[in-house]
N, C-alpha and C. Protein backbone atom coordinates (compact mmCIF):
# COMPACT_ATOMS: atom_id res chain seq x y z
N GLY A 1 -34.88 86.63 -184.50
CA GLY A 1 -36.27 86.28 -184.52
C GLY A 1 -36.77 86.12 -185.93
N ASN A 2 -38.03 85.78 -186.05
CA ASN A 2 -38.68 85.57 -187.34
C ASN A 2 -39.33 86.85 -187.84
N LEU A 3 -39.35 87.00 -189.13
CA LEU A 3 -40.08 88.09 -189.75
C LEU A 3 -41.50 87.59 -189.99
N VAL A 4 -42.48 88.18 -189.31
CA VAL A 4 -43.86 87.75 -189.44
C VAL A 4 -44.66 88.88 -190.09
N ILE A 5 -45.37 88.53 -191.16
CA ILE A 5 -46.19 89.51 -191.86
C ILE A 5 -47.63 89.17 -191.52
N GLY A 6 -48.28 90.06 -190.77
CA GLY A 6 -49.60 89.78 -190.25
C GLY A 6 -50.76 90.27 -191.10
N THR A 7 -50.49 90.78 -192.28
CA THR A 7 -51.55 91.30 -193.14
C THR A 7 -51.61 90.48 -194.42
N ALA A 8 -52.78 89.95 -194.74
CA ALA A 8 -52.95 89.15 -195.96
C ALA A 8 -52.62 89.99 -197.19
N GLY A 9 -51.97 89.36 -198.17
CA GLY A 9 -51.66 90.03 -199.42
C GLY A 9 -50.40 90.87 -199.37
N LYS A 10 -49.71 90.85 -198.24
CA LYS A 10 -48.47 91.60 -198.10
C LYS A 10 -47.30 90.62 -198.14
N GLY A 11 -46.10 91.15 -198.29
CA GLY A 11 -44.92 90.31 -198.35
C GLY A 11 -43.67 91.13 -198.24
N ILE A 12 -42.59 90.61 -198.80
CA ILE A 12 -41.31 91.31 -198.79
C ILE A 12 -41.13 91.97 -200.14
N MET A 13 -40.89 93.27 -200.15
CA MET A 13 -40.76 94.03 -201.39
C MET A 13 -39.29 94.13 -201.79
N PHE A 14 -38.99 93.74 -203.01
CA PHE A 14 -37.67 93.91 -203.59
C PHE A 14 -37.80 94.97 -204.67
N HIS A 15 -37.38 96.17 -204.38
CA HIS A 15 -37.51 97.26 -205.33
C HIS A 15 -36.59 97.03 -206.52
N PRO A 16 -37.09 97.28 -207.74
CA PRO A 16 -36.25 97.10 -208.92
C PRO A 16 -35.17 98.18 -209.01
N HIS A 17 -34.08 97.82 -209.68
CA HIS A 17 -33.01 98.79 -209.92
C HIS A 17 -33.46 99.86 -210.91
N ASP A 18 -34.40 99.49 -211.77
CA ASP A 18 -34.89 100.40 -212.80
C ASP A 18 -36.37 100.65 -212.55
N ALA A 19 -36.76 101.86 -212.30
CA ALA A 19 -38.15 102.19 -211.99
C ALA A 19 -39.10 101.84 -213.14
N ALA A 20 -38.57 101.67 -214.35
CA ALA A 20 -39.41 101.35 -215.50
C ALA A 20 -39.81 99.88 -215.51
N VAL A 21 -39.19 99.04 -214.66
CA VAL A 21 -39.50 97.61 -214.62
C VAL A 21 -40.80 97.41 -213.85
N THR A 22 -41.78 96.80 -214.51
CA THR A 22 -43.07 96.54 -213.88
C THR A 22 -43.52 95.14 -214.20
N GLY A 23 -44.49 94.66 -213.43
CA GLY A 23 -45.06 93.34 -213.67
C GLY A 23 -46.38 93.48 -214.39
N PRO A 24 -47.19 92.41 -214.36
CA PRO A 24 -48.51 92.46 -214.99
C PRO A 24 -49.37 93.55 -214.35
N PRO A 25 -50.34 94.09 -215.07
CA PRO A 25 -51.22 95.13 -214.51
C PRO A 25 -51.86 94.67 -213.20
N GLY A 26 -51.87 95.55 -212.23
CA GLY A 26 -52.49 95.25 -210.94
C GLY A 26 -51.64 94.43 -210.00
N SER A 27 -50.40 94.13 -210.37
CA SER A 27 -49.53 93.34 -209.49
C SER A 27 -48.18 94.01 -209.38
N ASP A 28 -47.41 93.56 -208.45
CA ASP A 28 -46.04 94.05 -208.32
C ASP A 28 -45.12 92.84 -208.42
N SER A 29 -44.37 92.77 -209.50
CA SER A 29 -43.53 91.61 -209.76
C SER A 29 -42.37 91.49 -208.79
N ASN A 30 -42.17 92.48 -207.94
CA ASN A 30 -41.06 92.45 -206.99
C ASN A 30 -41.52 92.17 -205.56
N LEU A 31 -42.74 91.69 -205.38
CA LEU A 31 -43.28 91.39 -204.07
C LEU A 31 -43.27 89.88 -203.85
N LEU A 32 -42.52 89.42 -202.84
CA LEU A 32 -42.51 88.01 -202.47
C LEU A 32 -43.61 87.82 -201.44
N ASP A 33 -44.73 87.23 -201.88
CA ASP A 33 -45.88 87.08 -200.99
C ASP A 33 -46.39 85.64 -200.93
N ASP A 34 -45.59 84.69 -201.44
CA ASP A 34 -46.03 83.30 -201.44
C ASP A 34 -44.83 82.38 -201.28
N TYR A 35 -44.76 81.68 -200.15
CA TYR A 35 -43.70 80.71 -199.90
C TYR A 35 -44.33 79.53 -199.18
N GLU A 36 -44.04 78.32 -199.66
CA GLU A 36 -44.63 77.13 -199.05
C GLU A 36 -43.67 75.96 -199.21
N GLU A 37 -43.55 75.15 -198.17
CA GLU A 37 -42.80 73.90 -198.22
C GLU A 37 -43.71 72.79 -197.73
N GLY A 38 -43.52 71.60 -198.24
CA GLY A 38 -44.36 70.50 -197.77
C GLY A 38 -43.89 69.16 -198.27
N THR A 39 -44.59 68.14 -197.84
CA THR A 39 -44.32 66.77 -198.27
C THR A 39 -45.61 66.19 -198.86
N PHE A 40 -45.46 65.16 -199.65
CA PHE A 40 -46.59 64.44 -200.22
C PHE A 40 -46.14 63.02 -200.50
N THR A 41 -47.06 62.16 -200.85
CA THR A 41 -46.75 60.76 -201.11
C THR A 41 -46.84 60.49 -202.61
N PRO A 42 -45.70 60.37 -203.29
CA PRO A 42 -45.73 60.08 -204.73
C PRO A 42 -46.13 58.63 -204.97
N THR A 43 -46.73 58.38 -206.12
CA THR A 43 -47.18 57.03 -206.47
C THR A 43 -46.77 56.68 -207.89
N VAL A 44 -46.65 55.38 -208.13
CA VAL A 44 -46.46 54.86 -209.49
C VAL A 44 -47.85 54.70 -210.09
N VAL A 45 -48.04 55.25 -211.28
CA VAL A 45 -49.35 55.15 -211.94
C VAL A 45 -49.13 54.61 -213.35
N ARG A 46 -49.88 53.57 -213.70
CA ARG A 46 -49.86 53.01 -215.05
C ARG A 46 -51.16 52.25 -215.26
N SER A 47 -51.83 52.47 -216.35
CA SER A 47 -53.13 51.86 -216.60
C SER A 47 -53.07 50.34 -216.48
N GLY A 48 -53.94 49.78 -215.63
CA GLY A 48 -54.05 48.33 -215.48
C GLY A 48 -52.92 47.66 -214.73
N MET A 49 -51.97 48.41 -214.21
CA MET A 49 -50.81 47.83 -213.54
C MET A 49 -51.15 47.46 -212.10
N THR A 50 -50.66 46.30 -211.67
CA THR A 50 -50.73 45.93 -210.27
C THR A 50 -49.51 46.52 -209.60
N ILE A 51 -49.75 47.45 -208.67
CA ILE A 51 -48.65 48.14 -208.00
C ILE A 51 -48.17 47.26 -206.86
N GLY A 52 -46.88 47.07 -206.80
CA GLY A 52 -46.29 46.20 -205.79
C GLY A 52 -46.10 46.90 -204.45
N THR A 53 -44.98 46.62 -203.82
CA THR A 53 -44.68 47.12 -202.48
C THR A 53 -43.70 48.28 -202.56
N TYR A 54 -44.05 49.38 -201.90
CA TYR A 54 -43.15 50.54 -201.82
C TYR A 54 -42.17 50.33 -200.67
N SER A 55 -40.88 50.47 -200.97
CA SER A 55 -39.88 50.47 -199.89
C SER A 55 -39.45 51.91 -199.59
N THR A 56 -39.62 52.79 -200.55
CA THR A 56 -39.37 54.22 -200.37
C THR A 56 -40.46 54.97 -201.13
N GLN A 57 -41.02 56.01 -200.51
CA GLN A 57 -42.10 56.76 -201.15
C GLN A 57 -42.12 58.17 -200.56
N THR A 58 -41.16 59.00 -201.01
CA THR A 58 -40.99 60.33 -200.44
C THR A 58 -41.12 61.40 -201.51
N GLY A 59 -41.92 62.42 -201.23
CA GLY A 59 -42.05 63.58 -202.09
C GLY A 59 -41.94 64.85 -201.25
N VAL A 60 -41.08 65.76 -201.67
CA VAL A 60 -40.88 67.03 -200.97
C VAL A 60 -41.01 68.14 -202.01
N TYR A 61 -41.67 69.24 -201.63
CA TYR A 61 -41.78 70.35 -202.58
C TYR A 61 -41.49 71.67 -201.88
N ARG A 62 -41.08 72.64 -202.70
CA ARG A 62 -40.87 74.02 -202.25
C ARG A 62 -41.47 74.93 -203.32
N LYS A 63 -42.40 75.79 -202.90
CA LYS A 63 -43.05 76.71 -203.82
C LYS A 63 -42.70 78.13 -203.39
N ILE A 64 -42.07 78.87 -204.28
CA ILE A 64 -41.72 80.27 -204.04
C ILE A 64 -42.38 81.07 -205.16
N GLY A 65 -43.38 81.87 -204.79
CA GLY A 65 -44.16 82.55 -205.81
C GLY A 65 -44.86 81.52 -206.67
N SER A 66 -44.66 81.57 -207.97
CA SER A 66 -45.28 80.60 -208.87
C SER A 66 -44.34 79.45 -209.24
N GLN A 67 -43.10 79.46 -208.75
CA GLN A 67 -42.14 78.41 -209.09
C GLN A 67 -42.18 77.28 -208.07
N VAL A 68 -42.32 76.06 -208.57
CA VAL A 68 -42.40 74.87 -207.73
C VAL A 68 -41.21 73.97 -208.07
N THR A 69 -40.50 73.50 -207.04
CA THR A 69 -39.46 72.49 -207.21
C THR A 69 -39.87 71.28 -206.39
N VAL A 70 -39.88 70.11 -207.04
CA VAL A 70 -40.30 68.86 -206.41
C VAL A 70 -39.13 67.89 -206.43
N PHE A 71 -38.93 67.20 -205.30
CA PHE A 71 -37.90 66.16 -205.16
C PHE A 71 -38.61 64.84 -204.89
N ILE A 72 -38.27 63.80 -205.66
CA ILE A 72 -38.92 62.49 -205.54
C ILE A 72 -37.87 61.42 -205.23
N ASN A 73 -38.21 60.53 -204.30
CA ASN A 73 -37.42 59.32 -204.03
C ASN A 73 -38.44 58.22 -203.85
N LEU A 74 -38.50 57.30 -204.83
CA LEU A 74 -39.54 56.29 -204.84
C LEU A 74 -38.94 54.96 -205.29
N ALA A 75 -39.26 53.89 -204.58
CA ALA A 75 -38.84 52.54 -204.97
C ALA A 75 -40.02 51.60 -204.78
N ASN A 76 -40.25 50.74 -205.78
CA ASN A 76 -41.38 49.83 -205.75
C ASN A 76 -40.96 48.51 -206.37
N SER A 77 -41.37 47.41 -205.75
CA SER A 77 -41.05 46.09 -206.28
C SER A 77 -42.33 45.28 -206.46
N ASN A 78 -42.24 44.24 -207.23
CA ASN A 78 -43.34 43.31 -207.50
C ASN A 78 -44.49 43.94 -208.28
N CYS A 79 -44.17 44.86 -209.20
CA CYS A 79 -45.18 45.41 -210.09
C CYS A 79 -45.46 44.39 -211.20
N SER A 80 -46.66 44.42 -211.75
CA SER A 80 -46.94 43.51 -212.87
C SER A 80 -48.03 44.08 -213.76
N GLY A 81 -47.97 43.68 -215.03
CA GLY A 81 -49.00 44.02 -215.99
C GLY A 81 -49.08 45.49 -216.33
N GLY A 82 -50.20 45.83 -216.89
CA GLY A 82 -50.44 47.22 -217.26
C GLY A 82 -49.99 47.54 -218.66
N SER A 83 -50.40 48.71 -219.11
CA SER A 83 -50.00 49.18 -220.43
C SER A 83 -49.96 50.70 -220.42
N GLY A 84 -49.30 51.23 -221.40
CA GLY A 84 -49.22 52.68 -221.52
C GLY A 84 -48.05 53.27 -220.76
N THR A 85 -48.09 54.56 -220.60
CA THR A 85 -47.00 55.33 -220.03
C THR A 85 -47.00 55.29 -218.50
N TYR A 86 -45.81 55.23 -217.92
CA TYR A 86 -45.66 55.36 -216.47
C TYR A 86 -45.75 56.84 -216.10
N THR A 87 -46.46 57.14 -215.02
CA THR A 87 -46.47 58.49 -214.49
C THR A 87 -46.20 58.43 -212.99
N CYS A 88 -45.81 59.58 -212.46
CA CYS A 88 -45.57 59.71 -211.02
C CYS A 88 -46.69 60.59 -210.46
N GLY A 89 -47.60 59.99 -209.72
CA GLY A 89 -48.78 60.69 -209.23
C GLY A 89 -48.55 61.34 -207.87
N GLY A 90 -49.49 62.19 -207.50
CA GLY A 90 -49.49 62.80 -206.18
C GLY A 90 -48.91 64.19 -206.10
N PHE A 91 -48.48 64.76 -207.22
CA PHE A 91 -47.86 66.09 -207.20
C PHE A 91 -48.84 67.13 -206.66
N PRO A 92 -48.35 68.11 -205.89
CA PRO A 92 -49.25 69.06 -205.23
C PRO A 92 -49.80 70.17 -206.13
N PHE A 93 -49.15 70.47 -207.25
CA PHE A 93 -49.58 71.58 -208.11
C PHE A 93 -49.44 71.18 -209.58
N PRO A 94 -50.32 71.69 -210.46
CA PRO A 94 -50.17 71.45 -211.90
C PRO A 94 -49.11 72.35 -212.50
N ASN A 95 -48.59 71.92 -213.64
CA ASN A 95 -47.64 72.73 -214.41
C ASN A 95 -48.41 73.72 -215.28
N ASN A 96 -48.11 75.00 -215.14
CA ASN A 96 -48.70 76.02 -216.00
C ASN A 96 -47.62 76.84 -216.68
N LEU A 97 -46.51 76.18 -216.99
CA LEU A 97 -45.36 76.83 -217.61
C LEU A 97 -45.64 77.23 -219.06
N GLY A 98 -46.59 76.55 -219.69
CA GLY A 98 -46.87 76.80 -221.10
C GLY A 98 -46.21 75.77 -221.99
N ILE A 99 -45.21 75.06 -221.46
CA ILE A 99 -44.52 73.98 -222.15
C ILE A 99 -44.28 72.86 -221.14
N ALA A 100 -43.86 71.70 -221.61
CA ALA A 100 -43.55 70.59 -220.71
C ALA A 100 -42.29 70.91 -219.92
N ALA A 101 -42.33 70.66 -218.61
CA ALA A 101 -41.15 70.80 -217.77
C ALA A 101 -40.39 69.48 -217.78
N GLN A 102 -39.06 69.54 -217.75
CA GLN A 102 -38.22 68.36 -217.83
C GLN A 102 -37.47 68.18 -216.52
N SER A 103 -37.36 66.92 -216.07
CA SER A 103 -36.71 66.63 -214.79
C SER A 103 -35.20 66.51 -214.93
N ALA A 104 -34.55 66.56 -213.78
CA ALA A 104 -33.14 66.20 -213.67
C ALA A 104 -33.12 64.88 -212.92
N MET A 105 -32.67 63.81 -213.57
CA MET A 105 -32.71 62.49 -212.97
C MET A 105 -31.47 62.27 -212.10
N GLY A 106 -31.70 61.77 -210.90
CA GLY A 106 -30.60 61.34 -210.05
C GLY A 106 -30.34 59.87 -210.27
N ARG A 107 -31.39 59.08 -210.17
CA ARG A 107 -31.29 57.63 -210.35
C ARG A 107 -32.58 57.15 -210.96
N ASN A 108 -32.47 56.28 -211.96
CA ASN A 108 -33.65 55.74 -212.62
C ASN A 108 -33.34 54.31 -213.00
N TYR A 109 -33.85 53.39 -212.23
CA TYR A 109 -33.59 51.96 -212.43
C TYR A 109 -34.92 51.26 -212.63
N MET A 110 -35.02 50.48 -213.69
CA MET A 110 -36.26 49.76 -213.98
C MET A 110 -35.92 48.32 -214.32
N SER A 111 -35.91 47.43 -213.33
CA SER A 111 -35.66 45.99 -213.52
C SER A 111 -34.43 45.73 -214.38
N GLY A 112 -33.36 46.45 -214.16
CA GLY A 112 -32.14 46.23 -214.91
C GLY A 112 -32.03 47.05 -216.17
N ASP A 113 -33.10 47.66 -216.61
CA ASP A 113 -33.10 48.50 -217.81
C ASP A 113 -32.64 49.90 -217.39
N THR A 114 -31.47 50.28 -217.83
CA THR A 114 -30.91 51.58 -217.44
C THR A 114 -30.86 52.56 -218.62
N ASN A 115 -31.81 52.41 -219.54
CA ASN A 115 -31.87 53.34 -220.67
C ASN A 115 -32.00 54.77 -220.18
N ASP A 116 -31.61 55.68 -221.03
CA ASP A 116 -31.67 57.11 -220.70
C ASP A 116 -33.11 57.57 -220.61
N ARG A 117 -33.51 57.96 -219.40
CA ARG A 117 -34.89 58.39 -219.17
C ARG A 117 -34.89 59.64 -218.32
N ASP A 118 -35.97 60.40 -218.43
CA ASP A 118 -36.25 61.49 -217.51
C ASP A 118 -37.76 61.59 -217.42
N PHE A 119 -38.24 62.53 -216.64
CA PHE A 119 -39.68 62.77 -216.55
C PHE A 119 -40.02 64.07 -217.24
N ARG A 120 -41.18 64.10 -217.89
CA ARG A 120 -41.69 65.30 -218.53
C ARG A 120 -43.07 65.58 -217.93
N LEU A 121 -43.27 66.81 -217.49
CA LEU A 121 -44.55 67.21 -216.92
C LEU A 121 -45.25 68.11 -217.93
N PRO A 122 -46.24 67.57 -218.68
CA PRO A 122 -46.92 68.38 -219.69
C PRO A 122 -47.64 69.58 -219.10
N ASN A 123 -47.78 70.61 -219.88
CA ASN A 123 -48.50 71.81 -219.45
C ASN A 123 -49.93 71.45 -219.04
N GLY A 124 -50.38 71.99 -217.91
CA GLY A 124 -51.73 71.76 -217.43
C GLY A 124 -51.91 70.48 -216.64
N GLU A 125 -50.86 69.68 -216.48
CA GLU A 125 -50.98 68.40 -215.77
C GLU A 125 -50.18 68.43 -214.47
N SER A 126 -50.49 67.49 -213.57
CA SER A 126 -49.78 67.41 -212.29
C SER A 126 -49.19 66.02 -212.04
N ALA A 127 -49.03 65.23 -213.09
CA ALA A 127 -48.39 63.92 -212.97
C ALA A 127 -47.38 63.77 -214.10
N PRO A 128 -46.08 63.91 -213.79
CA PRO A 128 -45.07 63.78 -214.86
C PRO A 128 -45.02 62.37 -215.44
N ARG A 129 -44.70 62.30 -216.72
CA ARG A 129 -44.63 61.03 -217.45
C ARG A 129 -43.17 60.63 -217.66
N LEU A 130 -42.89 59.33 -217.55
CA LEU A 130 -41.55 58.81 -217.78
C LEU A 130 -41.25 58.83 -219.28
N TYR A 131 -40.12 59.40 -219.64
CA TYR A 131 -39.77 59.65 -221.04
C TYR A 131 -38.42 59.03 -221.36
N ARG A 132 -38.33 58.33 -222.47
CA ARG A 132 -37.05 57.76 -222.93
C ARG A 132 -36.46 58.71 -223.96
N THR A 133 -35.40 59.40 -223.56
CA THR A 133 -34.88 60.49 -224.38
C THR A 133 -34.27 60.04 -225.70
N SER A 134 -33.54 58.92 -225.71
CA SER A 134 -32.88 58.50 -226.96
C SER A 134 -33.88 58.08 -228.02
N ALA A 135 -35.02 57.55 -227.61
CA ALA A 135 -36.05 57.12 -228.56
C ALA A 135 -37.07 58.23 -228.82
N ASP A 136 -37.01 59.31 -228.05
CA ASP A 136 -37.92 60.44 -228.18
C ASP A 136 -39.39 60.00 -228.06
N LEU A 137 -39.67 59.22 -227.01
CA LEU A 137 -41.04 58.79 -226.75
C LEU A 137 -41.24 58.47 -225.27
N TYR A 138 -42.50 58.40 -224.86
CA TYR A 138 -42.79 58.06 -223.48
C TYR A 138 -42.52 56.58 -223.24
N TYR A 139 -41.98 56.27 -222.08
CA TYR A 139 -41.54 54.91 -221.73
C TYR A 139 -42.75 54.04 -221.43
N GLN A 140 -42.82 52.85 -222.07
CA GLN A 140 -43.97 51.99 -221.89
C GLN A 140 -43.61 50.52 -221.67
N THR A 141 -42.35 50.18 -221.47
CA THR A 141 -41.93 48.80 -221.29
C THR A 141 -42.30 48.33 -219.88
N THR A 142 -42.95 47.18 -219.77
CA THR A 142 -43.37 46.65 -218.47
C THR A 142 -42.15 46.22 -217.66
N GLN A 143 -42.10 46.66 -216.42
CA GLN A 143 -41.01 46.32 -215.51
C GLN A 143 -41.60 45.87 -214.17
N THR A 144 -40.83 45.10 -213.39
CA THR A 144 -41.32 44.59 -212.11
C THR A 144 -40.74 45.34 -210.92
N TYR A 145 -39.62 46.03 -211.12
CA TYR A 145 -38.97 46.73 -210.02
C TYR A 145 -38.49 48.08 -210.52
N LEU A 146 -38.71 49.13 -209.73
CA LEU A 146 -38.26 50.44 -210.18
C LEU A 146 -37.78 51.30 -209.03
N ILE A 147 -36.84 52.17 -209.36
CA ILE A 147 -36.35 53.19 -208.43
C ILE A 147 -36.35 54.50 -209.22
N TRP A 148 -37.02 55.50 -208.68
CA TRP A 148 -37.04 56.82 -209.30
C TRP A 148 -36.54 57.84 -208.29
N GLU A 149 -35.50 58.55 -208.64
CA GLU A 149 -35.00 59.67 -207.85
C GLU A 149 -34.79 60.82 -208.82
N PHE A 150 -35.59 61.89 -208.65
CA PHE A 150 -35.47 63.00 -209.59
C PHE A 150 -35.94 64.30 -208.96
N ARG A 151 -35.61 65.38 -209.64
CA ARG A 151 -36.03 66.73 -209.27
C ARG A 151 -36.62 67.39 -210.52
N ILE A 152 -37.69 68.14 -210.32
CA ILE A 152 -38.29 68.86 -211.44
C ILE A 152 -38.78 70.22 -210.94
N THR A 153 -38.53 71.23 -211.75
CA THR A 153 -38.95 72.60 -211.42
C THR A 153 -39.88 73.11 -212.52
N TYR A 154 -40.97 73.71 -212.10
CA TYR A 154 -41.94 74.21 -213.07
C TYR A 154 -42.71 75.39 -212.48
N THR A 155 -43.59 75.97 -213.27
CA THR A 155 -44.38 77.12 -212.85
C THR A 155 -45.83 76.71 -212.71
N THR A 156 -46.49 77.24 -211.69
CA THR A 156 -47.91 76.96 -211.48
C THR A 156 -48.67 78.26 -211.23
N THR A 157 -49.96 78.21 -211.42
CA THR A 157 -50.80 79.35 -211.06
C THR A 157 -51.62 79.03 -209.83
N ALA A 158 -51.49 77.83 -209.29
CA ALA A 158 -52.25 77.41 -208.10
C ALA A 158 -51.76 78.12 -206.85
């Protein structure tokens, strides 16, 4: 059967091996009291860009405590125009890691341009930006067709 906890603010307690280990004041760092799974619809976002047709648009997330892992599978064709950095919109929680979180890319195809890219989710934001690692800058080249498949893990306070 299922383990059901019927009291708000309660969870599963993992006692530390060392009694001296504690969390922040007023909390217990060994209490698992937050677990969530869900789906969302990721989007291509770029200033002034005409967004084409999505053939794949899947976002899945898992939140355990303050840690969020997001999986994206997105394909879009017939994009045009625009300027600035590409971002992936629709994320369910902002990054509160204190630093930018970096993705693990599965597949990243942009109209034949297969340069080394990943996504970076700046602290305090909920839309990761496409980043070209070899040039050490955010990706801004206009493309008409794209496929993004990536995973990113970060911390949130939401």
